[in-house]
Structure formats: structure tokens, C-alpha cells
């Protein structure tokens, strides 16, 4: 007996759901940081919610990137992020593309376990924020030491986003199974 839950609804197709979800996450990141800025920035620590990257990771990890033009939508998400938040094209566009490709390469070689996904997303976020830091140095917008940036911004950000990824792993896996079939 086949008990697989699938959807034949034309509005639950991956090429419709995933791009809308990724664009929603771009604006939700900013709203989350704006609404909880006192909670996410304390003392010298800054936690940057990057749920857009978590959504990109889920698309790669659950092989949803094969069901729609993932890399083109990733370029669009990077452009939206750049134009909406930084008013300069290139920083987040390149960072999202390179870090997503790193996650894509690592995810192919890692076992399908929840802790390996933690290390995969942590590596992707590390690459992402390293590229953002380098771009900030190139345009003279960064005046923080690299060690302070890693300790006070990147590590808390990786822990926060990886925690979010682990919490939503099983529900997103189930939803992805329904949408991809």
C-alpha cells in the first residue's frame, strides 16, 4: 500500500513555491532584525538573522534546486538583497552565489544526518560572511578588526542560524517531500 502524500495542486509546484518563499525570506530577515534589534544586538555581540541563506540551504539539501531555475532565482534574491538593504550591487549577490555553491559541493559529500547539515550550513555561513567582510573592506565600509568580526558577529550568527535550521529541519523536510513529488 502506497501511503505517500503528494500534491497535484498546480500552486504547490516547486517553481512557484520556492521563489516566492526565498523572496519572502529576504524581507523577513530585515523585519526580524528591525523588530528584534535590541534582542539580537547586545553588548558587543551582533546576531544577524540570515533566514534567506537557511532557505537556500534547504533548497540545496533537499534537492529542490533541481525542480526550478535555482541559480537564476539566487541571482534575483542577491540583487533584491543588495538593492533593498545595501543600495549597491554585488556584495550579497556574489556572497549568496559563492556560499551556495560551497554548500552544494559540501552537501553532496556529507551523510544525510542532522549534525552534518549543521556543519554544512556553518561552513556556508562562514564563507558568506567572510565574503561580505572582504566586500566591506574593499568599499571602506568596514572598520572592525577581522578577529572581532569573527568572534562578535560571525560566530553568534552561525549559532543562531544553525539553531533555526535544526529546529525547522523536519517540518521543511516533510513540506519539501510533498512539494517536490
C-alpha atoms as a PDB file:
ATOM      1  CA  UNK A   1       0.000   0.000   0.000  1.00  0.00           C
ATOM      2  CA  UNK A   2       1.388   3.356  -1.010  1.00  0.00           C
ATOM      3  CA  UNK A   3       0.926   5.924   1.764  1.00  0.00           C
ATOM      4  CA  UNK A   4       2.973   8.705   0.224  1.00  0.00           C
ATOM      5  CA  UNK A   5       1.377  12.113   0.455  1.00  0.00           C
ATOM      6  CA  UNK A   6       1.722  14.022  -2.757  1.00  0.00           C
ATOM      7  CA  UNK A   7       0.122  17.138  -4.115  1.00  0.00           C
ATOM      8  CA  UNK A   8      -1.302  17.551  -7.575  1.00  0.00           C
ATOM      9  CA  UNK A   9      -2.221  21.148  -6.864  1.00  0.00           C
ATOM     10  CA  UNK A  10      -0.713  23.347  -9.537  1.00  0.00           C
ATOM     11  CA  UNK A  11       0.029  26.112  -6.998  1.00  0.00           C
ATOM     12  CA  UNK A  12       2.247  23.837  -4.913  1.00  0.00           C
ATOM     13  CA  UNK A  13       4.730  23.281  -7.703  1.00  0.00           C
ATOM     14  CA  UNK A  14       8.375  23.942  -6.791  1.00  0.00           C
ATOM     15  CA  UNK A  15       8.847  26.559  -9.498  1.00  0.00           C
ATOM     16  CA  UNK A  16       6.100  28.641  -7.846  1.00  0.00           C
ATOM     17  CA  UNK A  17       6.593  27.912  -4.140  1.00  0.00           C
ATOM     18  CA  UNK A  18      10.376  28.184  -3.762  1.00  0.00           C
ATOM     19  CA  UNK A  19      10.956  31.549  -5.474  1.00  0.00           C
ATOM     20  CA  UNK A  20       8.093  33.122  -3.510  1.00  0.00           C
ATOM     21  CA  UNK A  21       9.457  31.600  -0.310  1.00  0.00           C
ATOM     22  CA  UNK A  22      13.003  32.884  -0.978  1.00  0.00           C
ATOM     23  CA  UNK A  23      11.813  36.410  -1.776  1.00  0.00           C
ATOM     24  CA  UNK A  24       9.643  36.375   1.361  1.00  0.00           C
ATOM     25  CA  UNK A  25      12.677  35.369   3.420  1.00  0.00           C
ATOM     26  CA  UNK A  26      14.704  38.316   2.077  1.00  0.00           C
ATOM     27  CA  UNK A  27      12.210  40.772   3.522  1.00  0.00           C
ATOM     28  CA  UNK A  28      11.563  38.687   6.642  1.00  0.00           C
ATOM     29  CA  UNK A  29      15.285  38.880   7.520  1.00  0.00           C
ATOM     30  CA  UNK A  30      15.119  42.658   7.578  1.00  0.00           C
ATOM     31  CA  UNK A  31      11.862  42.697   9.523  1.00  0.00           C
ATOM     32  CA  UNK A  32      13.272  40.267  12.065  1.00  0.00           C
ATOM     33  CA  UNK A  33      16.391  42.372  12.568  1.00  0.00           C
ATOM     34  CA  UNK A  34      14.348  45.557  12.794  1.00  0.00           C
ATOM     35  CA  UNK A  35      11.817  44.151  15.226  1.00  0.00           C
ATOM     36  CA  UNK A  36      14.252  42.323  17.494  1.00  0.00           C
ATOM     37  CA  UNK A  37      17.305  44.560  17.215  1.00  0.00           C
ATOM     38  CA  UNK A  38      17.541  45.018  20.989  1.00  0.00           C
ATOM     39  CA  UNK A  39      17.479  41.251  21.490  1.00  0.00           C
ATOM     40  CA  UNK A  40      19.825  40.387  18.608  1.00  0.00           C
ATOM     41  CA  UNK A  41      22.403  43.106  19.323  1.00  0.00           C
ATOM     42  CA  UNK A  42      23.680  43.246  22.880  1.00  0.00           C
ATOM     43  CA  UNK A  43      26.974  44.369  24.379  1.00  0.00           C
ATOM     44  CA  UNK A  44      29.468  43.939  21.542  1.00  0.00           C
ATOM     45  CA  UNK A  45      27.674  40.950  20.025  1.00  0.00           C
ATOM     46  CA  UNK A  46      25.558  41.180  16.887  1.00  0.00           C
ATOM     47  CA  UNK A  47      23.408  38.326  15.676  1.00  0.00           C
ATOM     48  CA  UNK A  48      22.341  38.692  12.064  1.00  0.00           C
ATOM     49  CA  UNK A  49      19.349  36.573  11.095  1.00  0.00           C
ATOM     50  CA  UNK A  50      20.007  35.140   7.668  1.00  0.00           C
ATOM     51  CA  UNK A  51      16.949  33.017   7.067  1.00  0.00           C
ATOM     52  CA  UNK A  52      17.379  33.602   3.351  1.00  0.00           C
ATOM     53  CA  UNK A  53      20.565  31.559   3.478  1.00  0.00           C
ATOM     54  CA  UNK A  54      18.807  28.897   5.555  1.00  0.00           C
ATOM     55  CA  UNK A  55      16.132  28.717   2.839  1.00  0.00           C
ATOM     56  CA  UNK A  56      18.829  28.439   0.173  1.00  0.00           C
ATOM     57  CA  UNK A  57      20.452  25.658   2.187  1.00  0.00           C
ATOM     58  CA  UNK A  58      17.141  23.778   2.444  1.00  0.00           C
ATOM     59  CA  UNK A  59      16.623  24.051  -1.324  1.00  0.00           C
ATOM     60  CA  UNK A  60      20.065  22.574  -1.947  1.00  0.00           C
ATOM     61  CA  UNK A  61      19.950  19.959   0.797  1.00  0.00           C
ATOM     62  CA  UNK A  62      16.540  18.552  -0.127  1.00  0.00           C
ATOM     63  CA  UNK A  63      17.417  18.618  -3.851  1.00  0.00           C
ATOM     64  CA  UNK A  64      14.698  21.137  -4.590  1.00  0.00           C
ATOM     65  CA  UNK A  65      17.171  23.167  -6.635  1.00  0.00           C
ATOM     66  CA  UNK A  66      16.690  20.643  -9.442  1.00  0.00           C
ATOM     67  CA  UNK A  67      12.977  21.453  -9.750  1.00  0.00           C
ATOM     68  CA  UNK A  68      13.240  25.139 -10.660  1.00  0.00           C
ATOM     69  CA  UNK A  69      15.799  27.613 -12.016  1.00  0.00           C
ATOM     70  CA  UNK A  70      17.524  27.805  -8.630  1.00  0.00           C
ATOM     71  CA  UNK A  71      20.699  29.632  -9.629  1.00  0.00           C
ATOM     72  CA  UNK A  72      18.790  32.306 -11.566  1.00  0.00           C
ATOM     73  CA  UNK A  73      16.470  32.860  -8.633  1.00  0.00           C
ATOM     74  CA  UNK A  74      19.509  33.020  -6.386  1.00  0.00           C
ATOM     75  CA  UNK A  75      20.873  35.839  -8.552  1.00  0.00           C
ATOM     76  CA  UNK A  76      17.495  37.598  -8.276  1.00  0.00           C
ATOM     77  CA  UNK A  77      17.465  37.178  -4.485  1.00  0.00           C
ATOM     78  CA  UNK A  78      21.022  38.523  -4.267  1.00  0.00           C
ATOM     79  CA  UNK A  79      20.072  41.535  -6.400  1.00  0.00           C
ATOM     80  CA  UNK A  80      16.981  42.227  -4.297  1.00  0.00           C
ATOM     81  CA  UNK A  81      19.029  41.949  -1.105  1.00  0.00           C
ATOM     82  CA  UNK A  82      21.699  44.267  -2.497  1.00  0.00           C
ATOM     83  CA  UNK A  83      19.301  46.880  -3.814  1.00  0.00           C
ATOM     84  CA  UNK A  84      16.971  46.852  -0.820  1.00  0.00           C
ATOM     85  CA  UNK A  85      19.484  46.730   2.026  1.00  0.00           C
ATOM     86  CA  UNK A  86      22.843  47.989   0.740  1.00  0.00           C
ATOM     87  CA  UNK A  87      21.927  50.082  -2.340  1.00  0.00           C
ATOM     88  CA  UNK A  88      24.972  48.635  -4.104  1.00  0.00           C
ATOM     89  CA  UNK A  89      25.012  45.697  -6.488  1.00  0.00           C
ATOM     90  CA  UNK A  90      27.438  42.873  -5.914  1.00  0.00           C
ATOM     91  CA  UNK A  91      28.060  42.236  -2.228  1.00  0.00           C
ATOM     92  CA  UNK A  92      25.231  39.870  -1.390  1.00  0.00           C
ATOM     93  CA  UNK A  93      24.795  38.716  -4.969  1.00  0.00           C
ATOM     94  CA  UNK A  94      28.309  37.275  -5.098  1.00  0.00           C
ATOM     95  CA  UNK A  95      28.228  36.131  -1.461  1.00  0.00           C
ATOM     96  CA  UNK A  96      24.996  34.178  -1.925  1.00  0.00           C
ATOM     97  CA  UNK A  97      26.196  32.581  -5.153  1.00  0.00           C
ATOM     98  CA  UNK A  98      29.633  31.525  -3.861  1.00  0.00           C
ATOM     99  CA  UNK A  99      28.414  30.316  -0.471  1.00  0.00           C
ATOM    100  CA  UNK A 100      25.504  28.413  -2.071  1.00  0.00           C
ATOM    101  CA  UNK A 101      27.952  26.729  -4.415  1.00  0.00           C
ATOM    102  CA  UNK A 102      30.167  25.802  -1.435  1.00  0.00           C
ATOM    103  CA  UNK A 103      27.123  24.358   0.333  1.00  0.00           C
ATOM    104  CA  UNK A 104      26.207  22.491  -2.858  1.00  0.00           C
ATOM    105  CA  UNK A 105      29.682  20.934  -3.062  1.00  0.00           C
ATOM    106  CA  UNK A 106      29.838  20.031   0.631  1.00  0.00           C
ATOM    107  CA  UNK A 107      26.279  18.708   0.817  1.00  0.00           C
ATOM    108  CA  UNK A 108      26.954  16.170  -1.940  1.00  0.00           C
ATOM    109  CA  UNK A 109      29.750  14.617   0.106  1.00  0.00           C
ATOM    110  CA  UNK A 110      28.179  14.702   3.589  1.00  0.00           C
ATOM    111  CA  UNK A 111      25.993  11.942   5.013  1.00  0.00           C
ATOM    112  CA  UNK A 112      22.284  12.626   5.304  1.00  0.00           C
ATOM    113  CA  UNK A 113      22.245  13.402   9.038  1.00  0.00           C
ATOM    114  CA  UNK A 114      21.147  16.402  11.042  1.00  0.00           C
ATOM    115  CA  UNK A 115      24.605  17.143  12.501  1.00  0.00           C
ATOM    116  CA  UNK A 116      26.253  17.059   9.118  1.00  0.00           C
ATOM    117  CA  UNK A 117      23.712  19.672   7.995  1.00  0.00           C
ATOM    118  CA  UNK A 118      24.813  21.816  10.936  1.00  0.00           C
ATOM    119  CA  UNK A 119      28.415  21.737   9.740  1.00  0.00           C
ATOM    120  CA  UNK A 120      27.383  22.309   6.142  1.00  0.00           C
ATOM    121  CA  UNK A 121      25.340  25.405   6.933  1.00  0.00           C
ATOM    122  CA  UNK A 122      28.019  26.655   9.346  1.00  0.00           C
ATOM    123  CA  UNK A 123      30.644  26.404   6.606  1.00  0.00           C
ATOM    124  CA  UNK A 124      28.365  28.118   4.101  1.00  0.00           C
ATOM    125  CA  UNK A 125      27.631  30.956   6.508  1.00  0.00           C
ATOM    126  CA  UNK A 126      31.327  31.316   7.303  1.00  0.00           C
ATOM    127  CA  UNK A 127      32.111  31.677   3.600  1.00  0.00           C
ATOM    128  CA  UNK A 128      29.180  34.069   3.189  1.00  0.00           C
ATOM    129  CA  UNK A 129      30.204  36.415   5.997  1.00  0.00           C
ATOM    130  CA  UNK A 130      33.874  36.254   5.002  1.00  0.00           C
ATOM    131  CA  UNK A 131      32.934  37.460   1.516  1.00  0.00           C
ATOM    132  CA  UNK A 132      30.704  40.187   2.981  1.00  0.00           C
ATOM    133  CA  UNK A 133      33.610  41.310   5.179  1.00  0.00           C
ATOM    134  CA  UNK A 134      36.017  41.388   2.227  1.00  0.00           C
ATOM    135  CA  UNK A 135      33.494  43.416   0.204  1.00  0.00           C
ATOM    136  CA  UNK A 136      33.110  45.803   3.141  1.00  0.00           C
ATOM    137  CA  UNK A 137      36.881  46.301   3.261  1.00  0.00           C
ATOM    138  CA  UNK A 138      37.048  46.941  -0.492  1.00  0.00           C
ATOM    139  CA  UNK A 139      34.477  49.749  -0.312  1.00  0.00           C
ATOM    140  CA  UNK A 140      35.758  51.133   3.012  1.00  0.00           C
ATOM    141  CA  UNK A 141      32.558  50.391   4.953  1.00  0.00           C
ATOM    142  CA  UNK A 142      34.165  48.056   7.481  1.00  0.00           C
ATOM    143  CA  UNK A 143      36.247  49.451  10.300  1.00  0.00           C
ATOM    144  CA  UNK A 144      36.254  46.443  12.637  1.00  0.00           C
ATOM    145  CA  UNK A 145      39.151  44.069  13.130  1.00  0.00           C
ATOM    146  CA  UNK A 146      38.729  40.676  11.487  1.00  0.00           C
ATOM    147  CA  UNK A 147      39.107  38.784  14.793  1.00  0.00           C
ATOM    148  CA  UNK A 148      36.435  40.934  16.444  1.00  0.00           C
ATOM    149  CA  UNK A 149      34.151  40.437  13.445  1.00  0.00           C
ATOM    150  CA  UNK A 150      34.540  36.653  13.671  1.00  0.00           C
ATOM    151  CA  UNK A 151      34.100  36.474  17.454  1.00  0.00           C
ATOM    152  CA  UNK A 152      31.365  39.066  17.998  1.00  0.00           C
ATOM    153  CA  UNK A 153      29.337  38.782  14.801  1.00  0.00           C
ATOM    154  CA  UNK A 154      30.013  35.659  12.754  1.00  0.00           C
ATOM    155  CA  UNK A 155      30.095  33.013  15.500  1.00  0.00           C
ATOM    156  CA  UNK A 156      26.857  34.143  17.222  1.00  0.00           C
ATOM    157  CA  UNK A 157      25.233  34.488  13.795  1.00  0.00           C
ATOM    158  CA  UNK A 158      26.255  30.974  12.768  1.00  0.00           C
ATOM    159  CA  UNK A 159      24.991  29.518  16.045  1.00  0.00           C
ATOM    160  CA  UNK A 160      21.664  31.371  15.772  1.00  0.00           C
ATOM    161  CA  UNK A 161      21.028  30.464  12.117  1.00  0.00           C
ATOM    162  CA  UNK A 162      22.164  26.860  12.564  1.00  0.00           C
ATOM    163  CA  UNK A 163      19.826  26.572  15.547  1.00  0.00           C
ATOM    164  CA  UNK A 164      16.955  27.866  13.382  1.00  0.00           C
ATOM    165  CA  UNK A 165      17.951  25.379  10.671  1.00  0.00           C
ATOM    166  CA  UNK A 166      17.917  22.465  13.122  1.00  0.00           C
ATOM    167  CA  UNK A 167      14.539  23.474  14.598  1.00  0.00           C
ATOM    168  CA  UNK A 168      12.828  23.672  11.214  1.00  0.00           C
ATOM    169  CA  UNK A 169      14.692  20.771   9.582  1.00  0.00           C
ATOM    170  CA  UNK A 170      11.990  18.080   9.928  1.00  0.00           C
ATOM    171  CA  UNK A 171       8.982  20.286   9.087  1.00  0.00           C
ATOM    172  CA  UNK A 172      10.719  21.659   5.998  1.00  0.00           C
ATOM    173  CA  UNK A 173      11.795  18.145   5.019  1.00  0.00           C
ATOM    174  CA  UNK A 174       8.175  16.974   5.160  1.00  0.00           C
ATOM    175  CA  UNK A 175       6.907  20.001   3.261  1.00  0.00           C
ATOM    176  CA  UNK A 176       9.634  19.626   0.653  1.00  0.00           C
ATOM    177  CA  UNK A 177       8.738  15.983   0.181  1.00  0.00           C
ATOM    178  CA  UNK A 178       5.133  16.971  -0.538  1.00  0.00           C
ATOM    179  CA  UNK A 179       6.054  19.831  -2.888  1.00  0.00           C
ATOM    180  CA  UNK A 180       8.763  18.006  -4.860  1.00  0.00           C
ATOM    181  CA  UNK A 181       6.629  14.970  -5.678  1.00  0.00           C
END
